[in-house]
Amino acid sequence: MKKIVFVVLLLLIPVDALQKVSAGSLQLDSHEVDEQQELTIKQAVELANPSALKWNKSAQLLQAINIDIDKPGKLIGSNGKRKNWNISFGVPDTNKYFLVTIHDGKIDQTSDVTGDGSSPYPKKEFIQMNDMKYDSPELLQKALKMGSIYPGKDWAKGYNFMLIKDTERNVPLLLVIGWNRAQTKMEAAGFNASTGEYIKPN
């Protein structure tokens, strides 16, 4: 669990170069959500995938996570959707890395962020597109029925979603991330994105 929370801490914070938000973005309040700007995690990946394949025809999905730049509001993520996402791709057995940033439901930026001297990404870390059979809205409902996850208020607001490969169990792991009732500790429920089965995060 500590490992998952550490990864979430790193990924929810946007990189300075990716923090720009369009001047026309709508503020989210507790009463109204612009559904057209929101995407499930699967929709975000599907939106980003063509750009990755244009970058490199061998590109595959490494991870997806929403970005925590929404204005505070009670409804953030409560339908299993978010407006802002970072979708990461790579090429197996190379160090090639490609990032697609989605703001307000649309691709805002694509970047080849391959690092000099970085280690190759092994094949076992990649997620196949056809392995994503369950999506964030239905898995959020499963997580809420477990009764231990509540929406964040000030940081990591609302419900957050992350898709990574659990290499130990060799499954695509979709995490529903929130807080405990007292808002003192982050909580996560993990699910196999292929079967919908609950998986306790490491």
C-alpha atoms as a PDB file:
ATOM      1  CA  MET A   1       0.000   0.000   0.000  1.00  0.00           C
ATOM      2  CA  LYS A   2       2.839   2.425   0.840  1.00  0.00           C
ATOM      3  CA  LYS A   3       4.378   1.764  -2.571  1.00  0.00           C
ATOM      4  CA  ILE A   4       1.072   2.531  -4.333  1.00  0.00           C
ATOM      5  CA  VAL A   5       0.557   5.742  -2.343  1.00  0.00           C
ATOM      6  CA  PHE A   6       4.115   6.896  -3.142  1.00  0.00           C
ATOM      7  CA  VAL A   7       3.513   6.362  -6.858  1.00  0.00           C
ATOM      8  CA  VAL A   8       0.216   8.239  -6.621  1.00  0.00           C
ATOM      9  CA  LEU A   9       1.894  11.142  -4.837  1.00  0.00           C
ATOM     10  CA  LEU A  10       4.357  11.457  -7.705  1.00  0.00           C
ATOM     11  CA  LEU A  11       1.865  11.093 -10.520  1.00  0.00           C
ATOM     12  CA  LEU A  12      -1.041  13.196  -9.298  1.00  0.00           C
ATOM     13  CA  ILE A  13       1.207  16.252  -9.196  1.00  0.00           C
ATOM     14  CA  PRO A  14       1.489  17.687 -12.716  1.00  0.00           C
ATOM     15  CA  VAL A  15       4.949  18.368 -14.113  1.00  0.00           C
ATOM     16  CA  ASP A  16       5.558  22.130 -14.420  1.00  0.00           C
ATOM     17  CA  ALA A  17       5.648  21.913 -18.205  1.00  0.00           C
ATOM     18  CA  LEU A  18       2.288  20.202 -18.233  1.00  0.00           C
ATOM     19  CA  GLN A  19       0.433  22.475 -15.812  1.00  0.00           C
ATOM     20  CA  LYS A  20      -1.044  24.817 -18.373  1.00  0.00           C
ATOM     21  CA  VAL A  21      -4.809  24.786 -18.405  1.00  0.00           C
ATOM     22  CA  SER A  22      -6.763  26.407 -21.195  1.00  0.00           C
ATOM     23  CA  ALA A  23      -8.041  29.869 -20.370  1.00  0.00           C
ATOM     24  CA  GLY A  24     -11.558  28.819 -21.295  1.00  0.00           C
ATOM     25  CA  SER A  25     -11.740  25.891 -18.886  1.00  0.00           C
ATOM     26  CA  LEU A  26     -14.856  25.801 -16.772  1.00  0.00           C
ATOM     27  CA  GLN A  27     -14.738  25.892 -13.000  1.00  0.00           C
ATOM     28  CA  LEU A  28     -16.190  22.801 -11.370  1.00  0.00           C
ATOM     29  CA  ASP A  29     -18.586  23.487  -8.550  1.00  0.00           C
ATOM     30  CA  SER A  30     -20.471  21.109  -6.321  1.00  0.00           C
ATOM     31  CA  HIS A  31     -23.682  21.352  -8.314  1.00  0.00           C
ATOM     32  CA  GLU A  32     -22.676  21.108 -11.937  1.00  0.00           C
ATOM     33  CA  VAL A  33     -20.295  18.999 -13.989  1.00  0.00           C
ATOM     34  CA  ASP A  34     -19.611  19.330 -17.710  1.00  0.00           C
ATOM     35  CA  GLU A  35     -20.077  15.715 -18.799  1.00  0.00           C
ATOM     36  CA  GLN A  36     -18.673  16.383 -22.272  1.00  0.00           C
ATOM     37  CA  GLN A  37     -15.255  17.220 -20.806  1.00  0.00           C
ATOM     38  CA  GLU A  38     -15.036  14.128 -18.633  1.00  0.00           C
ATOM     39  CA  LEU A  39     -13.580  10.784 -19.654  1.00  0.00           C
ATOM     40  CA  THR A  40     -13.390   7.377 -18.047  1.00  0.00           C
ATOM     41  CA  ILE A  41      -9.895   5.958 -17.765  1.00  0.00           C
ATOM     42  CA  LYS A  42     -10.580   3.659 -20.713  1.00  0.00           C
ATOM     43  CA  GLN A  43     -11.847   6.551 -22.848  1.00  0.00           C
ATOM     44  CA  ALA A  44      -8.744   8.569 -21.959  1.00  0.00           C
ATOM     45  CA  VAL A  45      -6.452   5.724 -23.005  1.00  0.00           C
ATOM     46  CA  GLU A  46      -8.373   5.191 -26.253  1.00  0.00           C
ATOM     47  CA  LEU A  47      -8.179   8.923 -27.004  1.00  0.00           C
ATOM     48  CA  ALA A  48      -4.419   8.974 -26.412  1.00  0.00           C
ATOM     49  CA  ASN A  49      -3.525   5.727 -28.201  1.00  0.00           C
ATOM     50  CA  PRO A  50      -3.558   6.999 -31.834  1.00  0.00           C
ATOM     51  CA  SER A  51      -1.052   9.748 -30.942  1.00  0.00           C
ATOM     52  CA  ALA A  52       1.243   7.166 -29.383  1.00  0.00           C
ATOM     53  CA  LEU A  53       1.050   4.918 -32.447  1.00  0.00           C
ATOM     54  CA  LYS A  54       1.812   7.897 -34.666  1.00  0.00           C
ATOM     55  CA  TRP A  55       4.896   8.531 -32.490  1.00  0.00           C
ATOM     56  CA  ASN A  56       5.989   4.887 -32.752  1.00  0.00           C
ATOM     57  CA  LYS A  57       4.016   2.063 -34.344  1.00  0.00           C
ATOM     58  CA  SER A  58       5.282  -0.313 -31.624  1.00  0.00           C
ATOM     59  CA  ALA A  59       4.065   1.892 -28.751  1.00  0.00           C
ATOM     60  CA  GLN A  60       2.173   0.203 -25.924  1.00  0.00           C
ATOM     61  CA  LEU A  61       0.459   1.486 -22.794  1.00  0.00           C
ATOM     62  CA  LEU A  62       2.513   1.810 -19.614  1.00  0.00           C
ATOM     63  CA  GLN A  63       0.140   3.635 -17.274  1.00  0.00           C
ATOM     64  CA  ALA A  64      -2.705   6.105 -16.998  1.00  0.00           C
ATOM     65  CA  ILE A  65      -3.606   8.430 -14.147  1.00  0.00           C
ATOM     66  CA  ASN A  66      -5.798  11.481 -13.743  1.00  0.00           C
ATOM     67  CA  ILE A  67      -4.175  14.826 -12.928  1.00  0.00           C
ATOM     68  CA  ASP A  68      -5.250  16.650  -9.775  1.00  0.00           C
ATOM     69  CA  ILE A  69      -5.837  20.167 -11.148  1.00  0.00           C
ATOM     70  CA  ASP A  70      -9.629  20.415 -10.838  1.00  0.00           C
ATOM     71  CA  LYS A  71     -11.167  23.159  -8.752  1.00  0.00           C
ATOM     72  CA  PRO A  72     -12.524  21.805  -5.450  1.00  0.00           C
ATOM     73  CA  GLY A  73     -15.997  20.307  -5.745  1.00  0.00           C
ATOM     74  CA  LYS A  74     -18.059  17.493  -4.257  1.00  0.00           C
ATOM     75  CA  LEU A  75     -18.655  15.703  -7.546  1.00  0.00           C
ATOM     76  CA  ILE A  76     -15.065  15.271  -8.748  1.00  0.00           C
ATOM     77  CA  GLY A  77     -14.656  11.707  -9.967  1.00  0.00           C
ATOM     78  CA  SER A  78     -17.940  10.557  -8.423  1.00  0.00           C
ATOM     79  CA  ASN A  79     -19.109   9.196 -11.797  1.00  0.00           C
ATOM     80  CA  GLY A  80     -15.811   7.410 -12.464  1.00  0.00           C
ATOM     81  CA  LYS A  81     -14.680  10.120 -14.883  1.00  0.00           C
ATOM     82  CA  ARG A  82     -12.141  12.942 -14.784  1.00  0.00           C
ATOM     83  CA  LYS A  83     -11.298  15.851 -17.104  1.00  0.00           C
ATOM     84  CA  ASN A  84      -7.510  15.743 -16.907  1.00  0.00           C
ATOM     85  CA  TRP A  85      -5.207  12.784 -17.532  1.00  0.00           C
ATOM     86  CA  ASN A  86      -1.609  11.757 -18.126  1.00  0.00           C
ATOM     87  CA  ILE A  87      -1.354   8.671 -20.345  1.00  0.00           C
ATOM     88  CA  SER A  88       2.112   7.126 -20.680  1.00  0.00           C
ATOM     89  CA  PHE A  89       3.337   4.877 -23.459  1.00  0.00           C
ATOM     90  CA  GLY A  90       6.611   3.195 -24.249  1.00  0.00           C
ATOM     91  CA  VAL A  91       8.226   0.721 -26.579  1.00  0.00           C
ATOM     92  CA  PRO A  92       8.966  -2.661 -24.932  1.00  0.00           C
ATOM     93  CA  ASP A  93      12.619  -3.440 -24.249  1.00  0.00           C
ATOM     94  CA  THR A  94      13.666   0.133 -25.063  1.00  0.00           C
ATOM     95  CA  ASN A  95      13.832   3.345 -23.019  1.00  0.00           C
ATOM     96  CA  LYS A  96      11.448   5.156 -25.379  1.00  0.00           C
ATOM     97  CA  TYR A  97       8.740   7.010 -23.438  1.00  0.00           C
ATOM     98  CA  PHE A  98       5.827   9.101 -24.700  1.00  0.00           C
ATOM     99  CA  LEU A  99       3.376  11.167 -22.666  1.00  0.00           C
ATOM    100  CA  VAL A 100      -0.087  12.307 -23.747  1.00  0.00           C
ATOM    101  CA  THR A 101      -1.641  14.996 -21.557  1.00  0.00           C
ATOM    102  CA  ILE A 102      -5.397  15.465 -21.658  1.00  0.00           C
ATOM    103  CA  HIS A 103      -6.984  18.649 -20.324  1.00  0.00           C
ATOM    104  CA  ASP A 104     -10.731  19.208 -20.236  1.00  0.00           C
ATOM    105  CA  GLY A 105     -11.363  15.968 -22.110  1.00  0.00           C
ATOM    106  CA  LYS A 106      -9.125  16.801 -25.087  1.00  0.00           C
ATOM    107  CA  ILE A 107      -5.504  16.099 -25.966  1.00  0.00           C
ATOM    108  CA  ASP A 108      -3.585  19.193 -24.885  1.00  0.00           C
ATOM    109  CA  GLN A 109       0.012  18.088 -25.337  1.00  0.00           C
ATOM    110  CA  THR A 110       2.079  15.143 -26.575  1.00  0.00           C
ATOM    111  CA  SER A 111       5.725  14.772 -25.627  1.00  0.00           C
ATOM    112  CA  ASP A 112       8.554  12.382 -26.363  1.00  0.00           C
ATOM    113  CA  VAL A 113      10.152  12.339 -22.917  1.00  0.00           C
ATOM    114  CA  THR A 114      12.664   9.567 -23.523  1.00  0.00           C
ATOM    115  CA  GLY A 115      15.475  10.035 -21.018  1.00  0.00           C
ATOM    116  CA  ASP A 116      19.119   9.602 -21.930  1.00  0.00           C
ATOM    117  CA  GLY A 117      20.559   6.638 -20.094  1.00  0.00           C
ATOM    118  CA  SER A 118      17.229   5.503 -18.651  1.00  0.00           C
ATOM    119  CA  SER A 119      16.699   1.762 -18.323  1.00  0.00           C
ATOM    120  CA  PRO A 120      14.632  -0.142 -20.915  1.00  0.00           C
ATOM    121  CA  TYR A 121      11.016  -0.928 -20.046  1.00  0.00           C
ATOM    122  CA  PRO A 122      10.557  -4.717 -19.976  1.00  0.00           C
ATOM    123  CA  LYS A 123       7.612  -6.269 -21.819  1.00  0.00           C
ATOM    124  CA  LYS A 124       5.983  -7.363 -18.548  1.00  0.00           C
ATOM    125  CA  GLU A 125       5.292  -3.721 -17.573  1.00  0.00           C
ATOM    126  CA  PHE A 126       3.002  -2.998 -20.532  1.00  0.00           C
ATOM    127  CA  ILE A 127      -0.784  -3.244 -20.702  1.00  0.00           C
ATOM    128  CA  GLN A 128      -2.519  -4.533 -23.819  1.00  0.00           C
ATOM    129  CA  MET A 129      -5.489  -2.466 -24.969  1.00  0.00           C
ATOM    130  CA  ASN A 130      -7.770  -5.494 -25.217  1.00  0.00           C
ATOM    131  CA  ASP A 131      -7.027  -6.392 -21.569  1.00  0.00           C
ATOM    132  CA  MET A 132      -9.089  -3.384 -20.402  1.00  0.00           C
ATOM    133  CA  LYS A 133     -12.516  -4.971 -20.100  1.00  0.00           C
ATOM    134  CA  TYR A 134     -13.626  -3.097 -16.967  1.00  0.00           C
ATOM    135  CA  ASP A 135     -13.694   0.681 -16.697  1.00  0.00           C
ATOM    136  CA  SER A 136     -13.434   3.241 -13.909  1.00  0.00           C
ATOM    137  CA  PRO A 137     -17.184   3.935 -13.387  1.00  0.00           C
ATOM    138  CA  GLU A 138     -18.122   0.326 -12.648  1.00  0.00           C
ATOM    139  CA  LEU A 139     -15.013  -0.325 -10.557  1.00  0.00           C
ATOM    140  CA  LEU A 140     -15.631   2.860  -8.556  1.00  0.00           C
ATOM    141  CA  GLN A 141     -19.059   1.470  -7.645  1.00  0.00           C
ATOM    142  CA  LYS A 142     -17.424  -1.749  -6.468  1.00  0.00           C
ATOM    143  CA  ALA A 143     -14.932   0.224  -4.383  1.00  0.00           C
ATOM    144  CA  LEU A 144     -17.669   2.347  -2.783  1.00  0.00           C
ATOM    145  CA  LYS A 145     -19.598  -0.761  -1.739  1.00  0.00           C
ATOM    146  CA  MET A 146     -16.540  -1.801   0.258  1.00  0.00           C
ATOM    147  CA  GLY A 147     -17.133   1.287   2.400  1.00  0.00           C
ATOM    148  CA  SER A 148     -13.556   2.399   3.122  1.00  0.00           C
ATOM    149  CA  ILE A 149     -12.864   5.031   0.451  1.00  0.00           C
ATOM    150  CA  TYR A 150     -14.054   8.639   0.611  1.00  0.00           C
ATOM    151  CA  PRO A 151     -13.453  11.565  -1.766  1.00  0.00           C
ATOM    152  CA  GLY A 152     -10.479  13.822  -1.077  1.00  0.00           C
ATOM    153  CA  LYS A 153     -11.205  17.457  -0.258  1.00  0.00           C
ATOM    154  CA  ASP A 154      -8.092  19.609  -0.553  1.00  0.00           C
ATOM    155  CA  TRP A 155      -5.462  17.507  -2.317  1.00  0.00           C
ATOM    156  CA  ALA A 156      -5.940  14.420  -4.504  1.00  0.00           C
ATOM    157  CA  LYS A 157      -9.453  15.768  -4.694  1.00  0.00           C
ATOM    158  CA  GLY A 158     -12.493  13.585  -5.207  1.00  0.00           C
ATOM    159  CA  TYR A 159     -11.946  10.043  -6.475  1.00  0.00           C
ATOM    160  CA  ASN A 160      -8.796   9.354  -8.471  1.00  0.00           C
ATOM    161  CA  PHE A 161      -8.007   6.570 -10.934  1.00  0.00           C
ATOM    162  CA  MET A 162      -4.806   4.889 -12.012  1.00  0.00           C
ATOM    163  CA  LEU A 163      -4.066   2.002 -14.371  1.00  0.00           C
ATOM    164  CA  ILE A 164      -0.733   0.172 -14.111  1.00  0.00           C
ATOM    165  CA  LYS A 165       0.576  -3.334 -14.679  1.00  0.00           C
ATOM    166  CA  ASP A 166       0.912  -5.434 -11.540  1.00  0.00           C
ATOM    167  CA  THR A 167       3.990  -7.329 -12.663  1.00  0.00           C
ATOM    168  CA  GLU A 168       3.997  -9.664  -9.648  1.00  0.00           C
ATOM    169  CA  ARG A 169       0.517 -10.963 -10.464  1.00  0.00           C
ATOM    170  CA  ASN A 170       0.748 -10.216 -14.205  1.00  0.00           C
ATOM    171  CA  VAL A 171      -2.570  -8.352 -14.345  1.00  0.00           C
ATOM    172  CA  PRO A 172      -3.645  -4.849 -15.434  1.00  0.00           C
ATOM    173  CA  LEU A 173      -4.395  -3.147 -12.116  1.00  0.00           C
ATOM    174  CA  LEU A 174      -6.985  -0.375 -11.971  1.00  0.00           C
ATOM    175  CA  LEU A 175      -6.799   1.572  -8.728  1.00  0.00           C
ATOM    176  CA  VAL A 176      -9.624   3.618  -7.252  1.00  0.00           C
ATOM    177  CA  ILE A 177      -7.943   6.112  -4.931  1.00  0.00           C
ATOM    178  CA  GLY A 178      -9.449   8.266  -2.220  1.00  0.00           C
ATOM    179  CA  TRP A 179      -9.050   8.939   1.478  1.00  0.00           C
ATOM    180  CA  ASN A 180     -10.213   7.521   4.783  1.00  0.00           C
ATOM    181  CA  ARG A 181     -13.230   9.131   6.451  1.00  0.00           C
ATOM    182  CA  ALA A 182     -11.034  11.424   8.577  1.00  0.00           C
ATOM    183  CA  GLN A 183      -9.092  12.650   5.502  1.00  0.00           C
ATOM    184  CA  THR A 184      -5.807  11.722   7.205  1.00  0.00           C
ATOM    185  CA  LYS A 185      -4.640   8.849   4.998  1.00  0.00           C
ATOM    186  CA  MET A 186      -4.976   7.894   1.347  1.00  0.00           C
ATOM    187  CA  GLU A 187      -6.829   4.669   0.607  1.00  0.00           C
ATOM    188  CA  ALA A 188      -6.851   2.594  -2.577  1.00  0.00           C
ATOM    189  CA  ALA A 189      -8.899  -0.334  -3.849  1.00  0.00           C
ATOM    190  CA  GLY A 190      -7.383  -2.357  -6.668  1.00  0.00           C
ATOM    191  CA  PHE A 191      -9.152  -4.349  -9.365  1.00  0.00           C
ATOM    192  CA  ASN A 192      -8.091  -6.585 -12.213  1.00  0.00           C
ATOM    193  CA  ALA A 193      -9.117  -4.523 -15.249  1.00  0.00           C
ATOM    194  CA  SER A 194      -9.637  -7.726 -17.250  1.00  0.00           C
ATOM    195  CA  THR A 195     -11.905  -9.588 -14.804  1.00  0.00           C
ATOM    196  CA  GLY A 196     -13.181  -6.935 -12.373  1.00  0.00           C
ATOM    197  CA  GLU A 197     -11.831  -9.009  -9.477  1.00  0.00           C
ATOM    198  CA  TYR A 198     -10.753  -7.154  -6.322  1.00  0.00           C
ATOM    199  CA  ILE A 199      -7.003  -7.180  -5.743  1.00  0.00           C
ATOM    200  CA  LYS A 200      -5.495  -5.844  -2.534  1.00  0.00           C
ATOM    201  CA  PRO A 201      -2.850  -3.253  -3.487  1.00  0.00           C
ATOM    202  CA  ASN A 202       0.718  -4.079  -2.413  1.00  0.00           C
END
